[in-house]
N, C-alpha and C. Protein backbone atom coordinates (compact mmCIF):
# COMPACT_ATOMS: atom_id res chain seq x y z
N THR A 1 3.17 20.04 10.95
CA THR A 1 3.78 19.05 10.07
C THR A 1 2.69 18.34 9.28
N GLN A 2 3.10 17.61 8.28
CA GLN A 2 2.13 16.87 7.49
C GLN A 2 1.46 15.78 8.31
N LEU A 3 2.20 15.16 9.20
CA LEU A 3 1.62 14.13 10.07
C LEU A 3 0.54 14.73 10.97
N GLN A 4 0.80 15.87 11.55
CA GLN A 4 -0.19 16.53 12.40
C GLN A 4 -1.43 16.91 11.58
N ALA A 5 -1.23 17.41 10.38
CA ALA A 5 -2.35 17.77 9.51
C ALA A 5 -3.18 16.54 9.18
N LEU A 6 -2.51 15.44 8.89
CA LEU A 6 -3.22 14.19 8.59
C LEU A 6 -4.02 13.71 9.79
N GLN A 7 -3.43 13.75 10.96
CA GLN A 7 -4.13 13.31 12.17
C GLN A 7 -5.36 14.16 12.44
N LYS A 8 -5.22 15.47 12.33
CA LYS A 8 -6.34 16.36 12.60
C LYS A 8 -7.43 16.18 11.55
N ALA A 9 -7.05 16.12 10.28
CA ALA A 9 -8.03 15.97 9.20
C ALA A 9 -8.75 14.63 9.29
N THR A 10 -8.05 13.59 9.71
CA THR A 10 -8.68 12.28 9.85
C THR A 10 -9.75 12.31 10.93
N LYS A 11 -9.48 13.00 12.03
CA LYS A 11 -10.48 13.14 13.09
C LYS A 11 -11.69 13.92 12.57
N LEU A 12 -11.44 15.00 11.84
CA LEU A 12 -12.53 15.79 11.29
C LEU A 12 -13.34 14.99 10.28
N TYR A 13 -12.66 14.21 9.46
CA TYR A 13 -13.31 13.35 8.47
C TYR A 13 -14.25 12.36 9.17
N ALA A 14 -13.77 11.74 10.24
CA ALA A 14 -14.59 10.80 11.00
C ALA A 14 -15.80 11.51 11.61
N GLN A 15 -15.62 12.73 12.08
CA GLN A 15 -16.73 13.49 12.65
C GLN A 15 -17.78 13.81 11.59
N LEU A 16 -17.35 14.12 10.37
CA LEU A 16 -18.30 14.39 9.29
C LEU A 16 -19.15 13.16 8.99
N ILE A 17 -18.55 11.99 9.07
CA ILE A 17 -19.30 10.74 8.86
C ILE A 17 -20.24 10.49 10.03
N THR A 18 -19.73 10.64 11.25
CA THR A 18 -20.54 10.40 12.45
C THR A 18 -21.75 11.34 12.51
N LYS A 19 -21.56 12.59 12.11
CA LYS A 19 -22.65 13.58 12.17
C LYS A 19 -23.59 13.47 10.97
N GLY A 20 -23.28 12.58 10.03
CA GLY A 20 -24.16 12.39 8.88
C GLY A 20 -23.95 13.38 7.76
N LYS A 21 -22.91 14.19 7.83
CA LYS A 21 -22.63 15.13 6.75
C LYS A 21 -22.02 14.41 5.55
N LEU A 22 -21.38 13.28 5.83
CA LEU A 22 -20.92 12.35 4.79
C LEU A 22 -21.56 11.01 5.08
N ASP A 23 -22.06 10.33 4.06
CA ASP A 23 -22.70 9.04 4.32
C ASP A 23 -21.66 7.94 4.56
N GLN A 24 -22.15 6.79 5.00
CA GLN A 24 -21.28 5.67 5.40
C GLN A 24 -20.38 5.18 4.27
N SER A 25 -20.76 5.39 3.02
CA SER A 25 -19.92 4.92 1.92
C SER A 25 -18.54 5.57 1.94
N TRP A 26 -18.42 6.73 2.57
CA TRP A 26 -17.12 7.39 2.68
C TRP A 26 -16.20 6.63 3.63
N GLU A 27 -16.76 5.93 4.58
CA GLU A 27 -15.94 5.20 5.54
C GLU A 27 -15.43 3.89 4.95
N ASN A 28 -16.26 3.20 4.23
CA ASN A 28 -15.91 1.87 3.73
C ASN A 28 -15.19 1.88 2.40
N GLY A 29 -15.36 2.92 1.59
CA GLY A 29 -14.80 2.92 0.24
C GLY A 29 -13.61 3.82 0.04
N LEU A 30 -12.93 4.19 1.12
CA LEU A 30 -11.80 5.11 1.01
C LEU A 30 -10.66 4.47 0.22
N GLU A 31 -10.16 5.21 -0.76
CA GLU A 31 -9.14 4.69 -1.65
C GLU A 31 -7.78 5.37 -1.45
N GLN A 32 -7.79 6.69 -1.25
CA GLN A 32 -6.53 7.42 -1.20
C GLN A 32 -6.69 8.68 -0.34
N VAL A 33 -5.63 9.02 0.40
CA VAL A 33 -5.57 10.25 1.17
C VAL A 33 -4.31 10.99 0.74
N THR A 34 -4.46 12.28 0.40
CA THR A 34 -3.30 13.08 0.02
C THR A 34 -3.27 14.38 0.81
N ILE A 35 -2.06 14.88 1.00
CA ILE A 35 -1.85 16.12 1.73
C ILE A 35 -1.09 17.07 0.80
N SER A 36 -1.58 18.29 0.70
CA SER A 36 -0.88 19.27 -0.13
C SER A 36 -0.97 20.65 0.51
N LYS A 37 -0.08 21.52 0.10
CA LYS A 37 -0.09 22.89 0.60
C LYS A 37 -0.80 23.77 -0.42
N LEU A 38 -1.56 24.72 0.09
CA LEU A 38 -2.30 25.63 -0.76
C LEU A 38 -1.93 27.04 -0.34
N LYS A 39 -1.35 27.79 -1.27
CA LYS A 39 -1.03 29.19 -0.98
C LYS A 39 -2.18 30.02 -1.50
N ASP A 40 -2.83 30.71 -0.58
CA ASP A 40 -4.01 31.49 -0.93
C ASP A 40 -3.90 32.87 -0.29
N GLY A 41 -3.58 33.86 -1.10
CA GLY A 41 -3.50 35.22 -0.58
C GLY A 41 -2.42 35.42 0.46
N GLY A 42 -1.32 34.72 0.33
CA GLY A 42 -0.21 34.87 1.26
C GLY A 42 -0.28 33.98 2.48
N THR A 43 -1.38 33.25 2.67
CA THR A 43 -1.45 32.33 3.80
C THR A 43 -1.18 30.92 3.31
N ASN A 44 -0.51 30.17 4.13
CA ASN A 44 -0.20 28.79 3.79
C ASN A 44 -1.21 27.87 4.46
N ALA A 45 -2.08 27.31 3.67
CA ALA A 45 -3.07 26.37 4.19
C ALA A 45 -2.66 24.97 3.78
N VAL A 46 -3.20 23.99 4.48
CA VAL A 46 -2.96 22.60 4.15
C VAL A 46 -4.30 22.00 3.73
N VAL A 47 -4.27 21.25 2.65
CA VAL A 47 -5.47 20.58 2.15
C VAL A 47 -5.24 19.08 2.25
N VAL A 48 -6.15 18.40 2.92
CA VAL A 48 -6.10 16.94 3.01
C VAL A 48 -7.30 16.42 2.23
N SER A 49 -7.03 15.63 1.20
CA SER A 49 -8.13 15.11 0.38
C SER A 49 -8.32 13.62 0.66
N PHE A 50 -9.58 13.25 0.76
CA PHE A 50 -9.98 11.86 0.97
C PHE A 50 -10.73 11.43 -0.28
N LYS A 51 -10.18 10.47 -1.01
CA LYS A 51 -10.81 10.01 -2.25
C LYS A 51 -11.34 8.59 -2.06
N ARG A 52 -12.51 8.37 -2.63
CA ARG A 52 -13.13 7.04 -2.51
C ARG A 52 -13.23 6.38 -3.87
N GLU A 53 -13.42 5.06 -3.84
CA GLU A 53 -13.48 4.26 -5.07
C GLU A 53 -14.73 4.54 -5.87
N ASP A 54 -15.88 4.53 -5.22
CA ASP A 54 -17.16 4.66 -5.91
C ASP A 54 -17.96 5.82 -5.35
N GLY A 55 -18.94 6.25 -6.13
CA GLY A 55 -19.84 7.30 -5.69
C GLY A 55 -19.49 8.65 -6.28
N ASP A 56 -20.41 9.56 -6.11
CA ASP A 56 -20.22 10.90 -6.60
C ASP A 56 -20.65 11.86 -5.51
N PRO A 57 -19.83 12.76 -5.09
CA PRO A 57 -18.50 13.09 -5.58
C PRO A 57 -17.45 12.06 -5.15
N LYS A 58 -16.34 12.10 -5.84
CA LYS A 58 -15.26 11.13 -5.59
C LYS A 58 -14.35 11.53 -4.43
N ALA A 59 -14.32 12.83 -4.10
CA ALA A 59 -13.37 13.30 -3.08
C ALA A 59 -13.99 14.36 -2.19
N VAL A 60 -13.50 14.41 -0.96
CA VAL A 60 -13.83 15.49 -0.04
C VAL A 60 -12.50 16.10 0.42
N TYR A 61 -12.48 17.42 0.52
CA TYR A 61 -11.26 18.14 0.86
C TYR A 61 -11.45 18.86 2.18
N ILE A 62 -10.48 18.71 3.08
CA ILE A 62 -10.52 19.37 4.38
C ILE A 62 -9.36 20.37 4.43
N PHE A 63 -9.69 21.62 4.77
CA PHE A 63 -8.72 22.70 4.78
C PHE A 63 -8.36 23.09 6.20
N LEU A 64 -7.05 23.20 6.45
CA LEU A 64 -6.52 23.63 7.75
C LEU A 64 -5.63 24.84 7.50
N ASN A 65 -5.71 25.85 8.38
CA ASN A 65 -4.82 27.00 8.20
C ASN A 65 -3.42 26.67 8.71
N SER A 66 -2.53 27.63 8.63
CA SER A 66 -1.13 27.38 9.01
C SER A 66 -0.97 27.04 10.49
N ASP A 67 -1.98 27.38 11.30
CA ASP A 67 -1.95 27.04 12.73
C ASP A 67 -2.58 25.67 13.00
N GLY A 68 -3.06 25.01 11.95
CA GLY A 68 -3.68 23.70 12.11
C GLY A 68 -5.15 23.75 12.46
N LYS A 69 -5.76 24.91 12.36
CA LYS A 69 -7.19 25.04 12.67
C LYS A 69 -8.03 24.75 11.43
N TYR A 70 -9.13 24.08 11.66
CA TYR A 70 -10.07 23.75 10.59
C TYR A 70 -10.69 25.03 10.04
N VAL A 71 -10.62 25.20 8.71
CA VAL A 71 -11.21 26.38 8.10
C VAL A 71 -12.31 26.05 7.09
N GLY A 72 -12.51 24.76 6.81
CA GLY A 72 -13.59 24.40 5.92
C GLY A 72 -13.36 23.08 5.22
N SER A 73 -14.40 22.64 4.52
CA SER A 73 -14.30 21.43 3.72
C SER A 73 -15.29 21.56 2.57
N ASN A 74 -14.98 20.86 1.48
CA ASN A 74 -15.88 20.85 0.33
C ASN A 74 -15.55 19.68 -0.58
N PHE A 75 -16.29 19.59 -1.68
CA PHE A 75 -16.09 18.51 -2.63
C PHE A 75 -15.30 18.95 -3.86
N THR A 76 -14.91 20.22 -3.96
CA THR A 76 -14.24 20.73 -5.15
C THR A 76 -12.74 20.92 -4.97
N GLY A 77 -12.30 21.17 -3.75
CA GLY A 77 -10.89 21.43 -3.51
C GLY A 77 -10.53 22.89 -3.70
N ASP A 78 -11.51 23.73 -3.99
CA ASP A 78 -11.26 25.17 -4.19
C ASP A 78 -11.51 25.94 -2.92
């Protein structure tokens, strides 16, 4: 469900900050979180984007497969 995807992505997002892969500005300046479905080659993935007010890049995207497993993250959404 979208709620499960949000919960899992939020945990992963926090881990990226804790591990230093995202700096602290991502924690304090969060502006918007969105959930969308991405159809890629017949598989249904879920993309959770975390957008912040300031800084560059403005967003980080976390990808989960149809089973809810983490498959990657990036700053482009592709």
